Amino acid sequence: MGIILGVLLIVGGFIAYFYEEQRWIFVVAPYRDMAVPLFIAGIALLVVGYVSNTRAEEEKQLEVERARAIQPTAIFCPQCGFALPQNAQFCPHCGKALN
């Protein structure tokens, strides 16, 4: 959202500063003094949008890594492939001893 607003403010600043066609002068003239603040606000919002987007992506990546770290790896019986509890010594499906 910050990136979009930043681009809009920068474009608005350019329009307010450089647009001099006579039929639009009454629309642009009141905002001509605001061109530099619009540029600055636009650039600031671009930076804020980029930083917040980068942080959000990093947070999502950390959530995925935390979820992977919390989940124990599954153990399967080498004989029949049955999923086993973490501390199993025998397969409850086929009875094979696990070493």
PDB file of N, CA and C in Angstrom:
ATOM      1  N   MET A   1       0.827  -1.185   0.000  1.00  0.00           N
ATOM      2  CA  MET A   1       0.000   0.000   0.000  1.00  0.00           C
ATOM      3  C   MET A   1       0.871   1.248   0.000  1.00  0.00           C
ATOM      4  N   GLY A   2       1.935   1.232   0.786  1.00  0.00           N
ATOM      5  CA  GLY A   2       2.835   2.377   0.829  1.00  0.00           C
ATOM      6  C   GLY A   2       3.521   2.619  -0.504  1.00  0.00           C
ATOM      7  N   ILE A   3       3.844   1.533  -1.213  1.00  0.00           N
ATOM      8  CA  ILE A   3       4.494   1.665  -2.513  1.00  0.00           C
ATOM      9  C   ILE A   3       3.550   2.332  -3.503  1.00  0.00           C
ATOM     10  N   ILE A   4       2.299   1.916  -3.517  1.00  0.00           N
ATOM     11  CA  ILE A   4       1.313   2.492  -4.434  1.00  0.00           C
ATOM     12  C   ILE A   4       1.106   3.971  -4.133  1.00  0.00           C
ATOM     13  N   LEU A   5       0.928   4.316  -2.864  1.00  0.00           N
ATOM     14  CA  LEU A   5       0.759   5.724  -2.497  1.00  0.00           C
ATOM     15  C   LEU A   5       2.002   6.540  -2.837  1.00  0.00           C
ATOM     16  N   GLY A   6       3.162   5.953  -2.643  1.00  0.00           N
ATOM     17  CA  GLY A   6       4.398   6.655  -2.974  1.00  0.00           C
ATOM     18  C   GLY A   6       4.483   6.982  -4.451  1.00  0.00           C
ATOM     19  N   VAL A   7       4.169   6.010  -5.297  1.00  0.00           N
ATOM     20  CA  VAL A   7       4.193   6.245  -6.744  1.00  0.00           C
ATOM     21  C   VAL A   7       3.172   7.310  -7.123  1.00  0.00           C
ATOM     22  N   LEU A   8       1.974   7.228  -6.558  1.00  0.00           N
ATOM     23  CA  LEU A   8       0.947   8.224  -6.869  1.00  0.00           C
ATOM     24  C   LEU A   8       1.377   9.628  -6.454  1.00  0.00           C
ATOM     25  N   LEU A   9       1.991   9.761  -5.296  1.00  0.00           N
ATOM     26  CA  LEU A   9       2.436  11.080  -4.854  1.00  0.00           C
ATOM     27  C   LEU A   9       3.580  11.612  -5.705  1.00  0.00           C
ATOM     28  N   ILE A  10       4.483  10.740  -6.118  1.00  0.00           N
ATOM     29  CA  ILE A  10       5.569  11.190  -6.992  1.00  0.00           C
ATOM     30  C   ILE A  10       5.011  11.651  -8.332  1.00  0.00           C
ATOM     31  N   VAL A  11       4.109  10.872  -8.917  1.00  0.00           N
ATOM     32  CA  VAL A  11       3.483  11.263 -10.184  1.00  0.00           C
ATOM     33  C   VAL A  11       2.708  12.564 -10.004  1.00  0.00           C
ATOM     34  N   GLY A  12       1.969  12.677  -8.910  1.00  0.00           N
ATOM     35  CA  GLY A  12       1.242  13.917  -8.639  1.00  0.00           C
ATOM     36  C   GLY A  12       2.173  15.103  -8.501  1.00  0.00           C
ATOM     37  N   GLY A  13       3.317  14.900  -7.892  1.00  0.00           N
ATOM     38  CA  GLY A  13       4.304  15.968  -7.773  1.00  0.00           C
ATOM     39  C   GLY A  13       4.841  16.404  -9.122  1.00  0.00           C
ATOM     40  N   PHE A  14       5.135  15.425  -9.992  1.00  0.00           N
ATOM     41  CA  PHE A  14       5.583  15.759 -11.342  1.00  0.00           C
ATOM     42  C   PHE A  14       4.515  16.541 -12.095  1.00  0.00           C
ATOM     43  N   ILE A  15       3.297  16.073 -12.014  1.00  0.00           N
ATOM     44  CA  ILE A  15       2.206  16.758 -12.711  1.00  0.00           C
ATOM     45  C   ILE A  15       2.042  18.173 -12.178  1.00  0.00           C
ATOM     46  N   ALA A  16       2.045  18.322 -10.871  1.00  0.00           N
ATOM     47  CA  ALA A  16       1.860  19.647 -10.279  1.00  0.00           C
ATOM     48  C   ALA A  16       2.998  20.593 -10.640  1.00  0.00           C
ATOM     49  N   TYR A  17       4.188  20.077 -10.807  1.00  0.00           N
ATOM     50  CA  TYR A  17       5.330  20.943 -11.058  1.00  0.00           C
ATOM     51  C   TYR A  17       5.517  21.260 -12.540  1.00  0.00           C
ATOM     52  N   PHE A  18       5.344  20.267 -13.413  1.00  0.00           N
ATOM     53  CA  PHE A  18       5.704  20.435 -14.816  1.00  0.00           C
ATOM     54  C   PHE A  18       4.539  20.704 -15.760  1.00  0.00           C
ATOM     55  N   TYR A  19       3.324  20.473 -15.368  1.00  0.00           N
ATOM     56  CA  TYR A  19       2.187  20.605 -16.273  1.00  0.00           C
ATOM     57  C   TYR A  19       1.772  22.063 -16.359  1.00  0.00           C
ATOM     58  N   GLU A  20       1.860  22.659 -17.562  1.00  0.00           N
ATOM     59  CA  GLU A  20       1.577  24.079 -17.702  1.00  0.00           C
ATOM     60  C   GLU A  20       0.565  24.387 -18.802  1.00  0.00           C
ATOM     61  N   GLU A  21      -0.156  23.431 -19.278  1.00  0.00           N
ATOM     62  CA  GLU A  21      -1.141  23.698 -20.324  1.00  0.00           C
ATOM     63  C   GLU A  21      -2.221  24.623 -19.766  1.00  0.00           C
ATOM     64  N   GLN A  22      -2.654  25.606 -20.562  1.00  0.00           N
ATOM     65  CA  GLN A  22      -3.550  26.657 -20.092  1.00  0.00           C
ATOM     66  C   GLN A  22      -4.877  26.139 -19.549  1.00  0.00           C
ATOM     67  N   ARG A  23      -5.470  25.163 -20.181  1.00  0.00           N
ATOM     68  CA  ARG A  23      -6.793  24.735 -19.717  1.00  0.00           C
ATOM     69  C   ARG A  23      -6.733  24.005 -18.381  1.00  0.00           C
ATOM     70  N   TRP A  24      -5.572  23.495 -17.995  1.00  0.00           N
ATOM     71  CA  TRP A  24      -5.434  22.781 -16.722  1.00  0.00           C
ATOM     72  C   TRP A  24      -4.768  23.633 -15.649  1.00  0.00           C
ATOM     73  N   ILE A  25      -4.355  24.829 -15.979  1.00  0.00           N
ATOM     74  CA  ILE A  25      -3.595  25.645 -15.035  1.00  0.00           C
ATOM     75  C   ILE A  25      -4.390  25.934 -13.758  1.00  0.00           C
ATOM     76  N   PHE A  26      -5.706  26.073 -13.862  1.00  0.00           N
ATOM     77  CA  PHE A  26      -6.518  26.333 -12.664  1.00  0.00           C
ATOM     78  C   PHE A  26      -6.578  25.125 -11.740  1.00  0.00           C
ATOM     79  N   VAL A  27      -6.371  23.935 -12.281  1.00  0.00           N
ATOM     80  CA  VAL A  27      -6.373  22.721 -11.459  1.00  0.00           C
ATOM     81  C   VAL A  27      -5.005  22.513 -10.815  1.00  0.00           C
ATOM     82  N   VAL A  28      -3.955  22.763 -11.583  1.00  0.00           N
ATOM     83  CA  VAL A  28      -2.597  22.457 -11.144  1.00  0.00           C
ATOM     84  C   VAL A  28      -1.984  23.584 -10.313  1.00  0.00           C
ATOM     85  N   ALA A  29      -2.306  24.817 -10.635  1.00  0.00           N
ATOM     86  CA  ALA A  29      -1.656  25.963 -10.002  1.00  0.00           C
ATOM     87  C   ALA A  29      -1.711  25.945  -8.477  1.00  0.00           C
ATOM     88  N   PRO A  30      -2.830  25.632  -7.857  1.00  0.00           N
ATOM     89  CA  PRO A  30      -2.836  25.634  -6.382  1.00  0.00           C
ATOM     90  C   PRO A  30      -1.899  24.597  -5.768  1.00  0.00           C
ATOM     91  N   TYR A  31      -1.567  23.571  -6.519  1.00  0.00           N
ATOM     92  CA  TYR A  31      -0.739  22.485  -5.991  1.00  0.00           C
ATOM     93  C   TYR A  31       0.721  22.589  -6.411  1.00  0.00           C
ATOM     94  N   ARG A  32       1.067  23.596  -7.188  1.00  0.00           N
ATOM     95  CA  ARG A  32       2.433  23.711  -7.683  1.00  0.00           C
ATOM     96  C   ARG A  32       3.430  23.888  -6.534  1.00  0.00           C
ATOM     97  N   ASP A  33       3.047  24.601  -5.497  1.00  0.00           N
ATOM     98  CA  ASP A  33       3.936  24.786  -4.349  1.00  0.00           C
ATOM     99  C   ASP A  33       4.086  23.510  -3.528  1.00  0.00           C
ATOM    100  N   MET A  34       3.226  22.553  -3.762  1.00  0.00           N
ATOM    101  CA  MET A  34       3.283  21.292  -3.016  1.00  0.00           C
ATOM    102  C   MET A  34       4.083  20.224  -3.744  1.00  0.00           C
ATOM    103  N   ALA A  35       4.698  20.549  -4.882  1.00  0.00           N
ATOM    104  CA  ALA A  35       5.395  19.545  -5.681  1.00  0.00           C
ATOM    105  C   ALA A  35       6.542  18.906  -4.906  1.00  0.00           C
ATOM    106  N   VAL A  36       7.390  19.715  -4.291  1.00  0.00           N
ATOM    107  CA  VAL A  36       8.541  19.170  -3.560  1.00  0.00           C
ATOM    108  C   VAL A  36       8.088  18.334  -2.364  1.00  0.00           C
ATOM    109  N   PRO A  37       7.144  18.812  -1.542  1.00  0.00           N
ATOM    110  CA  PRO A  37       6.671  17.938  -0.457  1.00  0.00           C
ATOM    111  C   PRO A  37       6.028  16.646  -0.968  1.00  0.00           C
ATOM    112  N   LEU A  38       5.347  16.723  -2.126  1.00  0.00           N
ATOM    113  CA  LEU A  38       4.773  15.500  -2.691  1.00  0.00           C
ATOM    114  C   LEU A  38       5.868  14.531  -3.109  1.00  0.00           C
ATOM    115  N   PHE A  39       6.945  15.045  -3.720  1.00  0.00           N
ATOM    116  CA  PHE A  39       8.073  14.186  -4.076  1.00  0.00           C
ATOM    117  C   PHE A  39       8.651  13.515  -2.837  1.00  0.00           C
ATOM    118  N   ILE A  40       8.893  14.308  -1.813  1.00  0.00           N
ATOM    119  CA  ILE A  40       9.497  13.780  -0.585  1.00  0.00           C
ATOM    120  C   ILE A  40       8.575  12.754   0.073  1.00  0.00           C
ATOM    121  N   ALA A  41       7.286  13.077   0.168  1.00  0.00           N
ATOM    122  CA  ALA A  41       6.333  12.132   0.766  1.00  0.00           C
ATOM    123  C   ALA A  41       6.235  10.867  -0.071  1.00  0.00           C
ATOM    124  N   GLY A  42       6.258  11.013  -1.379  1.00  0.00           N
ATOM    125  CA  GLY A  42       6.194   9.840  -2.252  1.00  0.00           C
ATOM    126  C   GLY A  42       7.387   8.926  -2.075  1.00  0.00           C
ATOM    127  N   ILE A  43       8.569   9.511  -2.035  1.00  0.00           N
ATOM    128  CA  ILE A  43       9.777   8.702  -1.843  1.00  0.00           C
ATOM    129  C   ILE A  43       9.767   8.054  -0.464  1.00  0.00           C
ATOM    130  N   ALA A  44       9.345   8.794   0.550  1.00  0.00           N
ATOM    131  CA  ALA A  44       9.269   8.220   1.901  1.00  0.00           C
ATOM    132  C   ALA A  44       8.296   7.048   1.941  1.00  0.00           C
ATOM    133  N   LEU A  45       7.146   7.195   1.289  1.00  0.00           N
ATOM    134  CA  LEU A  45       6.179   6.096   1.276  1.00  0.00           C
ATOM    135  C   LEU A  45       6.682   4.901   0.474  1.00  0.00           C
ATOM    136  N   LEU A  46       7.439   5.150  -0.590  1.00  0.00           N
ATOM    137  CA  LEU A  46       8.048   4.037  -1.324  1.00  0.00           C
ATOM    138  C   LEU A  46       8.992   3.250  -0.420  1.00  0.00           C
ATOM    139  N   VAL A  47       9.811   3.960   0.335  1.00  0.00           N
ATOM    140  CA  VAL A  47      10.755   3.295   1.241  1.00  0.00           C
ATOM    141  C   VAL A  47      10.003   2.536   2.327  1.00  0.00           C
ATOM    142  N   VAL A  48       9.004   3.176   2.927  1.00  0.00           N
ATOM    143  CA  VAL A  48       8.224   2.519   3.983  1.00  0.00           C
ATOM    144  C   VAL A  48       7.522   1.281   3.435  1.00  0.00           C
ATOM    145  N   GLY A  49       6.933   1.388   2.264  1.00  0.00           N
ATOM    146  CA  GLY A  49       6.255   0.240   1.663  1.00  0.00           C
ATOM    147  C   GLY A  49       7.209  -0.899   1.372  1.00  0.00           C
ATOM    148  N   TYR A  50       8.389  -0.577   0.851  1.00  0.00           N
ATOM    149  CA  TYR A  50       9.375  -1.608   0.550  1.00  0.00           C
ATOM    150  C   TYR A  50       9.852  -2.304   1.822  1.00  0.00           C
ATOM    151  N   VAL A  51      10.166  -1.511   2.840  1.00  0.00           N
ATOM    152  CA  VAL A  51      10.662  -2.082   4.101  1.00  0.00           C
ATOM    153  C   VAL A  51       9.595  -2.946   4.762  1.00  0.00           C
ATOM    154  N   SER A  52       8.356  -2.466   4.806  1.00  0.00           N
ATOM    155  CA  SER A  52       7.300  -3.256   5.452  1.00  0.00           C
ATOM    156  C   SER A  52       7.011  -4.525   4.668  1.00  0.00           C
ATOM    157  N   ASN A  53       7.081  -4.461   3.349  1.00  0.00           N
ATOM    158  CA  ASN A  53       6.864  -5.653   2.534  1.00  0.00           C
ATOM    159  C   ASN A  53       7.983  -6.664   2.762  1.00  0.00           C
ATOM    160  N   THR A  54       9.216  -6.186   2.837  1.00  0.00           N
ATOM    161  CA  THR A  54      10.352  -7.074   3.083  1.00  0.00           C
ATOM    162  C   THR A  54      10.238  -7.728   4.456  1.00  0.00           C
ATOM    163  N   ARG A  55       9.864  -6.952   5.455  1.00  0.00           N
ATOM    164  CA  ARG A  55       9.711  -7.513   6.804  1.00  0.00           C
ATOM    165  C   ARG A  55       8.581  -8.533   6.857  1.00  0.00           C
ATOM    166  N   ALA A  56       7.495  -8.275   6.158  1.00  0.00           N
ATOM    167  CA  ALA A  56       6.374  -9.218   6.147  1.00  0.00           C
ATOM    168  C   ALA A  56       6.796 -10.540   5.517  1.00  0.00           C
ATOM    169  N   GLU A  57       7.573 -10.471   4.430  1.00  0.00           N
ATOM    170  CA  GLU A  57       8.049 -11.701   3.799  1.00  0.00           C
ATOM    171  C   GLU A  57       9.003 -12.460   4.719  1.00  0.00           C
ATOM    172  N   GLU A  58       9.870 -11.731   5.421  1.00  0.00           N
ATOM    173  CA  GLU A  58      10.787 -12.382   6.356  1.00  0.00           C
ATOM    174  C   GLU A  58      10.021 -13.046   7.496  1.00  0.00           C
ATOM    175  N   GLU A  59       8.969 -12.388   7.994  1.00  0.00           N
ATOM    176  CA  GLU A  59       8.146 -12.968   9.058  1.00  0.00           C
ATOM    177  C   GLU A  59       7.461 -14.245   8.581  1.00  0.00           C
ATOM    178  N   LYS A  60       6.949 -14.236   7.355  1.00  0.00           N
ATOM    179  CA  LYS A  60       6.313 -15.439   6.813  1.00  0.00           C
ATOM    180  C   LYS A  60       7.322 -16.575   6.725  1.00  0.00           C
ATOM    181  N   GLN A  61       8.538 -16.261   6.260  1.00  0.00           N
ATOM    182  CA  GLN A  61       9.575 -17.283   6.153  1.00  0.00           C
ATOM    183  C   GLN A  61       9.936 -17.828   7.533  1.00  0.00           C
ATOM    184  N   LEU A  62      10.024 -16.965   8.539  1.00  0.00           N
ATOM    185  CA  LEU A  62      10.315 -17.423   9.898  1.00  0.00           C
ATOM    186  C   LEU A  62       9.201 -18.312  10.438  1.00  0.00           C
ATOM    187  N   GLU A  63       7.946 -17.970  10.147  1.00  0.00           N
ATOM    188  CA  GLU A  63       6.816 -18.795  10.586  1.00  0.00           C
ATOM    189  C   GLU A  63       6.918 -20.192   9.986  1.00  0.00           C
ATOM    190  N   VAL A  64       7.259 -20.270   8.701  1.00  0.00           N
ATOM    191  CA  VAL A  64       7.391 -21.574   8.044  1.00  0.00           C
ATOM    192  C   VAL A  64       8.523 -22.368   8.675  1.00  0.00           C
ATOM    193  N   GLU A  65       9.655 -21.714   8.922  1.00  0.00           N
ATOM    194  CA  GLU A  65      10.793 -22.408   9.528  1.00  0.00           C
ATOM    195  C   GLU A  65      10.477 -22.871  10.948  1.00  0.00           C
ATOM    196  N   ARG A  66       9.760 -22.048  11.711  1.00  0.00           N
ATOM    197  CA  ARG A  66       9.370 -22.451  13.067  1.00  0.00           C
ATOM    198  C   ARG A  66       8.428 -23.643  13.035  1.00  0.00           C
ATOM    199  N   ALA A  67       7.495 -23.631  12.110  1.00  0.00           N
ATOM    200  CA  ALA A  67       6.551 -24.744  11.999  1.00  0.00           C
ATOM    201  C   ALA A  67       7.284 -26.032  11.640  1.00  0.00           C
ATOM    202  N   ARG A  68       8.272 -25.931  10.768  1.00  0.00           N
ATOM    203  CA  ARG A  68       9.050 -27.119  10.399  1.00  0.00           C
ATOM    204  C   ARG A  68       9.864 -27.624  11.584  1.00  0.00           C
ATOM    205  N   ALA A  69      10.407 -26.718  12.378  1.00  0.00           N
ATOM    206  CA  ALA A  69      11.229 -27.112  13.517  1.00  0.00           C
ATOM    207  C   ALA A  69      10.393 -27.759  14.613  1.00  0.00           C
ATOM    208  N   ILE A  70       9.152 -27.340  14.766  1.00  0.00           N
ATOM    209  CA  ILE A  70       8.286 -27.874  15.812  1.00  0.00           C
ATOM    210  C   ILE A  70       7.805 -29.275  15.465  1.00  0.00           C
ATOM    211  N   GLN A  71       7.507 -29.516  14.204  1.00  0.00           N
ATOM    212  CA  GLN A  71       6.977 -30.813  13.807  1.00  0.00           C
ATOM    213  C   GLN A  71       8.082 -31.868  13.847  1.00  0.00           C
ATOM    214  N   PRO A  72       7.858 -32.949  14.575  1.00  0.00           N
ATOM    215  CA  PRO A  72       8.860 -34.014  14.595  1.00  0.00           C
ATOM    216  C   PRO A  72       8.856 -34.758  13.262  1.00  0.00           C
ATOM    217  N   THR A  73      10.014 -35.275  12.923  1.00  0.00           N
ATOM    218  CA  THR A  73      10.090 -36.050  11.689  1.00  0.00           C
ATOM    219  C   THR A  73       9.417 -37.396  11.915  1.00  0.00           C
ATOM    220  N   ALA A  74       8.715 -37.866  10.931  1.00  0.00           N
ATOM    221  CA  ALA A  74       7.990 -39.134  11.037  1.00  0.00           C
ATOM    222  C   ALA A  74       8.965 -40.302  10.910  1.00  0.00           C
ATOM    223  N   ILE A  75       8.657 -41.376  11.623  1.00  0.00           N
ATOM    224  CA  ILE A  75       9.440 -42.607  11.548  1.00  0.00           C
ATOM    225  C   ILE A  75       8.556 -43.660  10.899  1.00  0.00           C
ATOM    226  N   PHE A  76       9.130 -44.399   9.959  1.00  0.00           N
ATOM    227  CA  PHE A  76       8.382 -45.429   9.250  1.00  0.00           C
ATOM    228  C   PHE A  76       9.072 -46.773   9.428  1.00  0.00           C
ATOM    229  N   CYS A  77       8.270 -47.804   9.436  1.00  0.00           N
ATOM    230  CA  CYS A  77       8.785 -49.172   9.553  1.00  0.00           C
ATOM    231  C   CYS A  77       9.544 -49.528   8.277  1.00  0.00           C
ATOM    232  N   PRO A  78      10.767 -50.047   8.413  1.00  0.00           N
ATOM    233  CA  PRO A  78      11.531 -50.428   7.222  1.00  0.00           C
ATOM    234  C   PRO A  78      10.946 -51.662   6.520  1.00  0.00           C
ATOM    235  N   GLN A  79      10.142 -52.438   7.227  1.00  0.00           N
ATOM    236  CA  GLN A  79       9.554 -53.656   6.665  1.00  0.00           C
ATOM    237  C   GLN A  79       8.287 -53.359   5.862  1.00  0.00           C
ATOM    238  N   CYS A  80       7.338 -52.655   6.501  1.00  0.00           N
ATOM    239  CA  CYS A  80       6.027 -52.459   5.865  1.00  0.00           C
ATOM    240  C   CYS A  80       5.719 -51.005   5.523  1.00  0.00           C
ATOM    241  N   GLY A  81       6.514 -50.048   6.023  1.00  0.00           N
ATOM    242  CA  GLY A  81       6.289 -48.638   5.719  1.00  0.00           C
ATOM    243  C   GLY A  81       5.232 -47.971   6.574  1.00  0.00           C
ATOM    244  N   PHE A  82       4.777 -48.626   7.626  1.00  0.00           N
ATOM    245  CA  PHE A  82       3.755 -48.079   8.514  1.00  0.00           C
ATOM    246  C   PHE A  82       4.346 -46.927   9.329  1.00  0.00           C
ATOM    247  N   ALA A  83       3.583 -45.845   9.506  1.00  0.00           N
ATOM    248  CA  ALA A  83       4.043 -44.717  10.315  1.00  0.00           C
ATOM    249  C   ALA A  83       4.067 -45.128  11.779  1.00  0.00           C
ATOM    250  N   LEU A  84       5.182 -44.834  12.451  1.00  0.00           N
ATOM    251  CA  LEU A  84       5.390 -45.284  13.826  1.00  0.00           C
ATOM    252  C   LEU A  84       5.449 -44.103  14.788  1.00  0.00           C
ATOM    253  N   PRO A  85       5.115 -44.331  16.051  1.00  0.00           N
ATOM    254  CA  PRO A  85       5.326 -43.298  17.067  1.00  0.00           C
ATOM    255  C   PRO A  85       6.828 -43.045  17.238  1.00  0.00           C
ATOM    256  N   GLN A  86       7.196 -41.896  17.789  1.00  0.00           N
ATOM    257  CA  GLN A  86       8.601 -41.511  17.921  1.00  0.00           C
ATOM    258  C   GLN A  86       9.426 -42.512  18.729  1.00  0.00           C
ATOM    259  N   ASN A  87       8.888 -43.049  19.793  1.00  0.00           N
ATOM    260  CA  ASN A  87       9.676 -43.924  20.668  1.00  0.00           C
ATOM    261  C   ASN A  87       9.350 -45.406  20.489  1.00  0.00           C
ATOM    262  N   ALA A  88       8.844 -45.798  19.342  1.00  0.00           N
ATOM    263  CA  ALA A  88       8.468 -47.201  19.105  1.00  0.00           C
ATOM    264  C   ALA A  88       9.715 -48.074  18.970  1.00  0.00           C
ATOM    265  N   GLN A  89       9.632 -49.282  19.536  1.00  0.00           N
ATOM    266  CA  GLN A  89      10.713 -50.252  19.395  1.00  0.00           C
ATOM    267  C   GLN A  89      10.305 -51.395  18.481  1.00  0.00           C
ATOM    268  N   PHE A  90       8.996 -51.560  18.303  1.00  0.00           N
ATOM    269  CA  PHE A  90       8.453 -52.575  17.403  1.00  0.00           C
ATOM    270  C   PHE A  90       7.377 -51.930  16.546  1.00  0.00           C
ATOM    271  N   CYS A  91       7.203 -52.419  15.357  1.00  0.00           N
ATOM    272  CA  CYS A  91       6.140 -51.932  14.477  1.00  0.00           C
ATOM    273  C   CYS A  91       4.819 -52.541  14.942  1.00  0.00           C
ATOM    274  N   PRO A  92       3.800 -51.715  15.243  1.00  0.00           N
ATOM    275  CA  PRO A  92       2.516 -52.261  15.679  1.00  0.00           C
ATOM    276  C   PRO A  92       1.752 -52.932  14.542  1.00  0.00           C
ATOM    277  N   HIS A  93       2.184 -52.714  13.313  1.00  0.00           N
ATOM    278  CA  HIS A  93       1.481 -53.278  12.162  1.00  0.00           C
ATOM    279  C   HIS A  93       2.021 -54.656  11.790  1.00  0.00           C
ATOM    280  N   CYS A  94       3.355 -54.784  11.662  1.00  0.00           N
ATOM    281  CA  CYS A  94       3.933 -56.065  11.244  1.00  0.00           C
ATOM    282  C   CYS A  94       4.753 -56.745  12.338  1.00  0.00           C
ATOM    283  N   GLY A  95       5.084 -56.043  13.418  1.00  0.00           N
ATOM    284  CA  GLY A  95       5.809 -56.636  14.535  1.00  0.00           C
ATOM    285  C   GLY A  95       7.316 -56.631  14.393  1.00  0.00           C
ATOM    286  N   LYS A  96       7.865 -56.039  13.334  1.00  0.00           N
ATOM    287  CA  LYS A  96       9.316 -56.025  13.136  1.00  0.00           C
ATOM    288  C   LYS A  96       9.976 -55.184  14.226  1.00  0.00           C
ATOM    289  N   ALA A  97      11.097 -55.666  14.733  1.00  0.00           N
ATOM    290  CA  ALA A  97      11.863 -54.933  15.739  1.00  0.00           C
ATOM    291  C   ALA A  97      12.631 -53.802  15.060  1.00  0.00           C
ATOM    292  N   LEU A  98      12.625 -52.644  15.708  1.00  0.00           N
ATOM    293  CA  LEU A  98      13.333 -51.479  15.173  1.00  0.00           C
ATOM    294  C   LEU A  98      14.620 -51.290  15.952  1.00  0.00           C
ATOM    295  N   ASN A  99      15.730 -51.169  15.263  1.00  0.00           N
ATOM    296  CA  ASN A  99      17.029 -50.982  15.926  1.00  0.00           C
ATOM    297  C   ASN A  99      17.604 -49.648  15.603  1.00  0.00           C
TER     298      ASN A  99
END
